[in-house]
Protein backbone atom coordinates (compact mmCIF):
# COMPACT_ATOMS: atom_id res chain seq x y z
CA UNK A 1 74.78 222.32 8.67
CA UNK A 2 77.19 224.98 9.95
CA UNK A 3 79.82 222.30 10.49
CA UNK A 4 79.72 221.07 6.90
CA UNK A 5 79.58 224.68 5.64
CA UNK A 6 82.71 225.56 7.63
CA UNK A 7 84.46 222.33 6.68
CA UNK A 8 83.82 222.95 2.99
CA UNK A 9 85.29 226.44 3.22
CA UNK A 10 88.37 225.27 5.09
CA UNK A 11 88.96 222.54 2.52
CA UNK A 12 88.32 225.01 -0.27
CA UNK A 13 90.80 227.48 1.23
CA UNK A 14 93.43 224.79 1.59
CA UNK A 15 92.91 223.68 -2.00
CA UNK A 16 92.93 227.28 -3.22
CA UNK A 17 96.21 228.09 -1.50
CA UNK A 18 97.87 224.76 -2.25
CA UNK A 19 99.47 226.02 -5.45
CA UNK A 20 99.74 229.64 -4.33
CA UNK A 21 102.95 230.92 -2.95
CA UNK A 22 102.28 231.87 0.68
CA UNK A 23 104.64 233.05 3.31
CA UNK A 24 105.60 230.34 5.78
CA UNK A 25 103.78 232.32 8.47
CA UNK A 26 100.47 232.32 6.54
CA UNK A 27 100.88 228.68 5.53
CA UNK A 28 101.43 227.86 9.23
CA UNK A 29 98.31 229.81 10.22
CA UNK A 30 96.28 228.00 7.56
CA UNK A 31 97.57 224.62 8.79
CA UNK A 32 96.77 225.62 12.40
CA UNK A 33 93.29 226.73 11.36
CA UNK A 34 92.74 223.46 9.50
CA UNK A 35 94.01 221.45 12.47
CA UNK A 36 91.72 223.33 14.86
CA UNK A 37 88.76 222.72 12.53
CA UNK A 38 89.52 218.99 12.49
CA UNK A 39 89.79 218.97 16.30
CA UNK A 40 86.43 220.76 16.52
CA UNK A 41 84.87 218.20 14.19
CA UNK A 42 86.20 215.40 16.38
CA UNK A 43 84.95 217.14 19.53
CA UNK A 44 81.56 217.61 17.91
CA UNK A 45 81.31 213.90 17.08
CA UNK A 46 82.32 212.98 20.64
CA UNK A 47 79.84 215.45 22.15
CA UNK A 48 77.02 214.19 19.96
CA UNK A 49 77.79 210.65 21.06
CA UNK A 50 77.93 211.75 24.72
CA UNK A 51 74.61 213.55 24.30
CA UNK A 52 73.02 210.46 22.75
CA UNK A 53 74.26 208.35 25.69
CA UNK A 54 73.09 210.96 28.23
CA UNK A 55 69.62 211.05 26.65
CA UNK A 56 69.39 207.26 26.76
CA UNK A 57 70.50 207.24 30.41
CA UNK A 58 67.99 209.98 31.24
CA UNK A 59 65.19 207.93 29.69
CA UNK A 60 66.25 204.88 31.73
CA UNK A 61 66.36 206.96 34.93
CA UNK A 62 62.98 208.56 34.19
CA UNK A 63 61.52 205.09 33.68
CA UNK A 64 62.94 203.91 37.02
CA UNK A 65 61.66 207.05 38.74
CA UNK A 66 58.24 206.49 37.21
CA UNK A 67 58.22 202.95 38.63
CA UNK A 68 58.95 204.30 42.12
CA UNK A 69 56.55 207.25 42.05
CA UNK A 70 53.54 205.63 40.42
CA UNK A 71 52.70 203.16 43.10
CA UNK A 72 49.10 202.19 43.58
CA UNK A 73 47.10 205.00 45.11
CA UNK A 74 45.97 202.86 48.03
CA UNK A 75 47.83 200.34 50.15
CA UNK A 76 46.49 197.49 52.28
CA UNK A 77 45.88 199.68 55.34
CA UNK A 78 43.96 202.23 53.25
CA UNK A 79 41.81 199.39 51.91
CA UNK A 80 41.11 198.17 55.47
CA UNK A 81 40.09 201.69 56.50
CA UNK A 82 37.72 202.01 53.55
CA UNK A 83 36.25 198.57 54.20
CA UNK A 84 35.61 199.37 57.87
CA UNK A 85 33.95 202.66 56.93
CA UNK A 86 31.77 200.76 54.45
CA UNK A 87 30.70 198.33 57.20
CA UNK A 88 30.12 201.02 59.85
CA UNK A 89 27.73 203.95 59.63
CA UNK A 90 29.84 207.13 59.56
CA UNK A 91 32.55 206.19 62.09
CA UNK A 92 34.88 208.67 63.74
CA UNK A 93 38.69 208.38 63.91
CA UNK A 94 38.73 207.05 67.51
CA UNK A 95 36.41 204.17 66.62
CA UNK A 96 38.46 203.32 63.50
CA UNK A 97 41.75 203.46 65.42
CA UNK A 98 40.42 201.01 68.03
CA UNK A 99 38.75 198.72 65.52
CA UNK A 100 41.79 198.54 63.22
CA UNK A 101 44.35 198.73 66.05
CA UNK A 102 46.10 201.71 64.48
CA UNK A 103 47.72 204.67 66.21
CA UNK A 104 45.19 207.51 66.09
CA UNK A 105 47.62 210.10 64.65
CA UNK A 106 48.69 207.80 61.83
CA UNK A 107 45.06 206.92 61.15
CA UNK A 108 44.04 210.59 61.04
CA UNK A 109 46.84 211.28 58.56
CA UNK A 110 45.54 208.48 56.33
CA UNK A 111 41.95 209.68 56.67
CA UNK A 112 42.98 213.18 55.63
CA UNK A 113 44.92 211.83 52.62
CA UNK A 114 42.00 209.62 51.59
CA UNK A 115 39.72 212.66 51.76
CA UNK A 116 42.16 214.73 49.70
CA UNK A 117 42.22 212.11 46.93
CA UNK A 118 38.41 211.88 46.96
CA UNK A 119 37.96 208.47 48.56
CA UNK A 120 36.31 209.86 51.70
CA UNK A 121 34.18 212.77 52.80
CA UNK A 122 34.15 214.03 56.34
CA UNK A 123 31.58 215.96 58.35
CA UNK A 124 30.90 217.00 61.89
CA UNK A 125 27.92 218.40 63.80
CA UNK A 126 29.27 219.65 67.10
CA UNK A 127 31.36 216.52 67.74
CA UNK A 128 34.19 214.56 66.28
CA UNK A 129 34.67 214.24 62.53
CA UNK A 130 32.78 211.43 60.89
CA UNK A 131 33.78 209.74 57.67
CA UNK A 132 31.82 208.32 54.79
CA UNK A 133 32.75 206.77 51.47
CA UNK A 134 32.80 208.59 48.18
CA UNK A 135 31.72 206.75 45.00
CA UNK A 136 35.39 206.30 44.07
CA UNK A 137 36.05 204.28 47.25
CA UNK A 138 32.95 202.13 46.80
CA UNK A 139 34.14 201.34 43.27
CA UNK A 140 37.59 200.45 44.62
CA UNK A 141 36.18 198.13 47.29
CA UNK A 142 33.92 196.33 44.82
CA UNK A 143 36.63 196.09 42.17
CA UNK A 144 39.02 194.50 44.71
CA UNK A 145 36.31 192.15 46.10
CA UNK A 146 36.46 193.74 49.55
CA UNK A 147 32.70 194.32 49.65
CA UNK A 148 29.89 193.07 47.46
């Protein structure tokens, strides 16, 4: 709105002074002002087009990022861990590492993550941590036909 307001006034000024006798210096200033206004209009059109392209590119990049960051919550190894816990009464990490032939540190990391996202609960009474399924994990296993 400001652009069209300014453009109207510049055009109006040019029309007003068209038939008026102005010094060459003032006429030159008016022509310079008019030229600068036209250049600003052109720049504005270019910037609006650049902004439109940048917004479209941003949307495409956000969509790609969304595809990379919204992977399934659980992978195949997580599913195997949950299935083994379902088949074994409250196993500890050492048992699961042996049974699934996984490195104990990596397994413990996965167990902790599964507990943080409410697939497992852990408990201990004077010994090693034991793991049991949460309702969310039972639902996952049934939904993916890993247990019946």
